[in-house]
Amino acid sequence: MDNSIINLIVFAIVSWTTLFFLTRKLLFPNRSFDFCNRLVSTVHAILALTLASISVQNWSCPLCPLASRSSQKQIRALAVTVGYLIYDLVCCLFDKQVKIDNLIHHLVSAVGLGAGLFHEWCGSEMVAALWITEISSPFLHLREILKELGYKDTDLNLAADVLFAVIFSSARMIGGPYLTYVTLSADNPKIIKAMALGLQLVSAYWFYKIARRIMYKFSKKTKPKTSNM
């Protein structure tokens, strides 16, 4: 891995950490640790989607060229996200909010993207994976932000839940399997193929949990209220 890539990852870690402290200490000092971290995560999701979109070499074939050397734009997009993943994992440890599925997701993503940066290879596939995984993130964080703002169990919160579920399911269970197939079929390093498969398995597990949650929320909404006699 080139030293410039390592420097970019370190710069990203410092930048995300600084943004968190500014959010926590100056902008929203009365809000929770999780609230501030989710704001930073939302900024990352928007930036990651922007950098990923800018790095696409040919929109008529977004995955082209397959199994090829990464461009500088692709490397920049991936390095910014690797830095964020490291920052976010440390935040979860400090907030004691580590869940095993989220931990696996972070590790698989960081190792997979890190392997792509190390080899400076398969940039098109990596950027596509970044786009698929981050497109639903703003709505994921919006759900929890609304709860802290006092909108839990409201129609607004339900709308955010449904938007997140639809976007997540479309990206991860339609685009995700196709990208996994393409990555496994192309001449990519074995570790990247393994990480692509691992990420898709985590996505399938989360899809199952999300589907159950949405069904439960709708059942609560439609369940008739019993009057006390």
Protein backbone atom coordinates (compact mmCIF):
# COMPACT_ATOMS: atom_id res chain seq x y z
CA MET A 1 0.00 0.00 0.00
CA ASP A 2 1.29 3.42 -0.97
CA ASN A 3 2.19 5.81 1.88
CA SER A 4 -0.16 8.42 0.43
CA ILE A 5 -3.09 6.02 0.96
CA ILE A 6 -2.09 5.43 4.58
CA ASN A 7 -1.81 9.18 5.10
CA LEU A 8 -5.27 9.67 3.62
CA ILE A 9 -6.78 7.03 5.94
CA VAL A 10 -5.11 8.65 8.98
CA PHE A 11 -6.33 12.07 7.86
CA ALA A 12 -9.86 10.67 7.52
CA ILE A 13 -9.76 9.18 11.04
CA VAL A 14 -8.62 12.50 12.50
CA SER A 15 -11.23 14.42 10.50
CA TRP A 16 -14.17 12.22 11.55
CA THR A 17 -13.02 12.30 15.17
CA THR A 18 -12.70 16.09 15.09
CA LEU A 19 -16.15 16.46 13.57
CA PHE A 20 -17.60 14.28 16.32
CA PHE A 21 -16.03 16.35 19.09
CA LEU A 22 -17.25 19.58 17.47
CA THR A 23 -20.75 18.13 17.23
CA ARG A 24 -20.66 16.75 20.77
CA LYS A 25 -19.10 19.74 22.56
CA LEU A 26 -20.20 22.78 20.51
CA LEU A 27 -23.26 22.05 18.37
CA PHE A 28 -25.32 19.61 20.46
CA PRO A 29 -23.82 19.44 23.99
CA ASN A 30 -27.14 18.36 25.50
CA ARG A 31 -27.68 15.45 23.13
CA SER A 32 -26.51 11.88 23.65
CA PHE A 33 -23.27 10.32 22.46
CA ASP A 34 -25.23 8.17 20.00
CA PHE A 35 -27.14 11.18 18.61
CA CYS A 36 -23.91 13.06 17.80
CA ASN A 37 -22.26 9.97 16.34
CA ARG A 38 -25.26 9.40 14.07
CA LEU A 39 -25.02 12.96 12.78
CA VAL A 40 -21.38 12.32 11.87
CA SER A 41 -22.38 9.01 10.27
CA THR A 42 -25.01 10.80 8.18
CA VAL A 43 -22.39 13.28 6.94
CA HIS A 44 -20.14 10.34 6.04
CA ALA A 45 -22.91 8.55 4.16
CA ILE A 46 -23.62 11.63 2.03
CA LEU A 47 -19.91 12.25 1.38
CA ALA A 48 -19.26 8.57 0.59
CA LEU A 49 -22.14 8.48 -1.92
CA THR A 50 -20.87 11.67 -3.52
CA LEU A 51 -17.25 10.48 -3.82
CA ALA A 52 -18.39 7.05 -5.04
CA SER A 53 -20.59 8.62 -7.72
CA ILE A 54 -17.82 10.98 -8.85
CA SER A 55 -15.39 8.06 -9.18
CA VAL A 56 -17.57 6.04 -11.58
CA GLN A 57 -15.65 5.97 -14.86
CA ASN A 58 -18.55 5.12 -17.18
CA TRP A 59 -22.19 5.53 -16.09
CA SER A 60 -23.40 3.43 -19.03
CA CYS A 61 -21.53 0.57 -17.32
CA PRO A 62 -20.95 1.56 -13.65
CA LEU A 63 -19.08 -1.67 -12.85
CA CYS A 64 -16.64 -1.26 -15.74
CA PRO A 65 -13.80 -1.98 -15.86
CA LEU A 66 -14.01 -5.13 -13.71
CA ALA A 67 -11.00 -6.56 -11.87
CA SER A 68 -8.79 -3.64 -12.84
CA ARG A 69 -6.45 -1.16 -11.20
CA SER A 70 -8.23 1.40 -9.03
CA SER A 71 -8.28 5.03 -10.11
CA GLN A 72 -7.18 7.82 -7.78
CA LYS A 73 -10.79 8.94 -7.32
CA GLN A 74 -11.80 5.42 -6.31
CA ILE A 75 -8.88 5.16 -3.88
CA ARG A 76 -9.85 8.47 -2.30
CA ALA A 77 -13.47 7.40 -1.85
CA LEU A 78 -12.46 4.07 -0.29
CA ALA A 79 -9.81 5.59 2.02
CA VAL A 80 -12.28 8.13 3.42
CA THR A 81 -14.68 5.30 4.29
CA VAL A 82 -11.99 3.05 5.80
CA GLY A 83 -11.05 5.96 8.06
CA TYR A 84 -14.69 6.40 9.01
CA LEU A 85 -15.16 2.69 9.79
CA ILE A 86 -12.17 2.75 12.14
CA TYR A 87 -13.49 5.90 13.84
CA ASP A 88 -17.02 4.49 14.16
CA LEU A 89 -15.81 1.19 15.59
CA VAL A 90 -13.87 3.04 18.31
CA CYS A 91 -16.96 5.19 19.00
CA CYS A 92 -19.07 2.07 19.47
CA LEU A 93 -16.53 0.72 21.95
CA PHE A 94 -16.58 3.95 23.98
CA ASP A 95 -20.38 4.09 23.93
CA LYS A 96 -20.59 0.39 24.81
CA GLN A 97 -23.00 -0.12 21.90
CA VAL A 98 -21.17 -3.00 20.23
CA LYS A 99 -23.49 -5.58 18.67
CA ILE A 100 -22.01 -8.73 17.17
CA ASP A 101 -23.68 -8.28 13.76
CA ASN A 102 -22.59 -4.63 13.56
CA LEU A 103 -19.07 -5.57 14.65
CA ILE A 104 -18.86 -8.23 11.94
CA HIS A 105 -20.17 -5.74 9.36
CA HIS A 106 -17.53 -3.17 10.34
CA LEU A 107 -14.70 -5.70 10.30
CA VAL A 108 -15.76 -7.27 6.99
CA SER A 109 -16.15 -3.83 5.38
CA ALA A 110 -12.86 -2.48 6.75
CA VAL A 111 -10.88 -5.60 5.79
CA GLY A 112 -12.50 -5.81 2.35
CA LEU A 113 -11.98 -2.14 1.50
CA GLY A 114 -8.51 -2.25 3.09
CA ALA A 115 -7.58 -5.23 0.91
CA GLY A 116 -8.77 -3.33 -2.15
CA LEU A 117 -6.62 -0.36 -1.16
CA PHE A 118 -3.63 -2.59 -0.41
CA HIS A 119 -3.79 -4.21 -3.84
CA GLU A 120 -5.02 -0.97 -5.48
CA TRP A 121 -7.31 -3.29 -7.38
CA CYS A 122 -11.03 -3.83 -8.20
CA GLY A 123 -11.91 -0.18 -7.59
CA SER A 124 -15.12 -0.41 -9.63
CA GLU A 125 -16.48 -3.29 -7.54
CA MET A 126 -15.43 -1.62 -4.27
CA VAL A 127 -17.03 1.71 -5.14
CA ALA A 128 -20.24 -0.08 -6.16
CA ALA A 129 -20.23 -1.90 -2.80
CA LEU A 130 -19.71 1.42 -1.04
CA TRP A 131 -22.66 2.94 -2.89
CA ILE A 132 -24.94 -0.03 -2.16
CA THR A 133 -24.10 -0.13 1.54
CA GLU A 134 -24.37 3.63 2.16
CA ILE A 135 -27.48 4.54 0.13
CA SER A 136 -29.78 3.53 3.01
CA SER A 137 -27.58 4.85 5.84
CA PRO A 138 -29.09 8.39 6.09
CA PHE A 139 -32.53 6.86 6.69
CA LEU A 140 -31.10 4.37 9.19
CA HIS A 141 -29.72 7.20 11.29
CA LEU A 142 -32.79 9.40 10.75
CA ARG A 143 -34.92 6.77 12.50
CA GLU A 144 -32.86 6.95 15.69
CA ILE A 145 -32.40 10.74 15.53
CA LEU A 146 -36.20 11.20 15.34
CA LYS A 147 -36.64 8.99 18.40
CA GLU A 148 -34.32 11.17 20.49
CA LEU A 149 -36.11 14.28 19.24
CA GLY A 150 -39.37 12.91 20.63
CA TYR A 151 -40.94 11.42 17.50
CA LYS A 152 -40.88 7.77 18.56
CA ASP A 153 -44.02 5.79 17.57
CA THR A 154 -45.24 8.63 15.31
CA ASP A 155 -46.24 8.47 11.64
CA LEU A 156 -43.07 10.41 10.80
CA ASN A 157 -40.90 7.79 12.46
CA LEU A 158 -42.86 5.01 10.75
CA ALA A 159 -42.33 6.73 7.37
CA ALA A 160 -38.57 6.85 8.05
CA ASP A 161 -38.68 3.15 8.97
CA VAL A 162 -40.47 2.23 5.75
CA LEU A 163 -38.16 4.36 3.58
CA PHE A 164 -35.13 2.76 5.18
CA ALA A 165 -36.56 -0.76 4.75
CA VAL A 166 -37.44 -0.22 1.07
CA ILE A 167 -34.10 1.37 0.13
CA PHE A 168 -32.07 -1.13 2.17
CA SER A 169 -33.94 -4.12 0.72
CA SER A 170 -33.65 -2.87 -2.87
CA ALA A 171 -29.95 -2.08 -2.59
CA ARG A 172 -28.77 -5.00 -0.49
CA MET A 173 -31.05 -7.79 -1.73
CA ILE A 174 -31.18 -6.89 -5.44
CA GLY A 175 -28.03 -4.92 -6.18
CA GLY A 176 -26.00 -6.72 -3.50
CA PRO A 177 -26.36 -10.31 -4.80
CA TYR A 178 -25.61 -9.17 -8.35
CA LEU A 179 -22.48 -7.32 -7.23
CA THR A 180 -21.41 -10.34 -5.16
CA TYR A 181 -21.82 -12.61 -8.20
CA VAL A 182 -19.84 -10.24 -10.41
CA THR A 183 -17.06 -9.91 -7.82
CA LEU A 184 -16.80 -13.67 -7.32
CA SER A 185 -16.79 -14.31 -11.08
CA ALA A 186 -14.10 -11.76 -11.90
CA ASP A 187 -10.36 -12.28 -11.42
CA ASN A 188 -10.17 -10.61 -8.00
CA PRO A 189 -7.97 -11.52 -4.99
CA LYS A 190 -9.46 -14.29 -2.84
CA ILE A 191 -9.70 -12.10 0.25
CA ILE A 192 -11.87 -9.60 -1.62
CA LYS A 193 -14.12 -12.40 -2.86
CA ALA A 194 -14.44 -13.71 0.70
CA MET A 195 -15.28 -10.26 2.06
CA ALA A 196 -17.89 -9.71 -0.69
CA LEU A 197 -19.61 -12.96 0.26
CA GLY A 198 -19.37 -12.17 3.98
CA LEU A 199 -20.89 -8.72 3.52
CA GLN A 200 -23.79 -10.16 1.55
CA LEU A 201 -24.48 -12.72 4.29
CA VAL A 202 -24.57 -9.95 6.91
CA SER A 203 -26.91 -7.95 4.66
CA ALA A 204 -29.25 -10.94 4.33
CA TYR A 205 -29.35 -11.31 8.12
CA TRP A 206 -30.15 -7.62 8.56
CA PHE A 207 -32.86 -7.87 5.88
CA TYR A 208 -34.51 -10.61 7.93
CA LYS A 209 -34.40 -8.46 11.11
CA ILE A 210 -35.71 -5.38 9.30
CA ALA A 211 -38.60 -7.29 7.72
CA ARG A 212 -39.63 -8.59 11.14
CA ARG A 213 -39.45 -5.11 12.68
CA ILE A 214 -41.57 -3.52 9.94
CA MET A 215 -44.18 -6.27 10.18
CA TYR A 216 -44.33 -5.76 13.95
CA LYS A 217 -44.76 -1.98 13.62
CA PHE A 218 -47.55 -2.32 11.08
CA SER A 219 -49.28 -4.91 13.26
CA LYS A 220 -49.21 -2.41 16.16
CA LYS A 221 -50.68 0.29 13.92
CA THR A 222 -53.52 -1.90 12.64
CA LYS A 223 -54.29 -3.70 15.91
CA PRO A 224 -57.70 -2.52 17.19
CA LYS A 225 -57.69 -0.80 20.55
CA THR A 226 -59.81 -2.44 23.23
CA SER A 227 -61.91 -0.14 25.36
CA ASN A 228 -62.11 -0.59 29.13
CA MET A 229 -65.61 -1.36 30.31
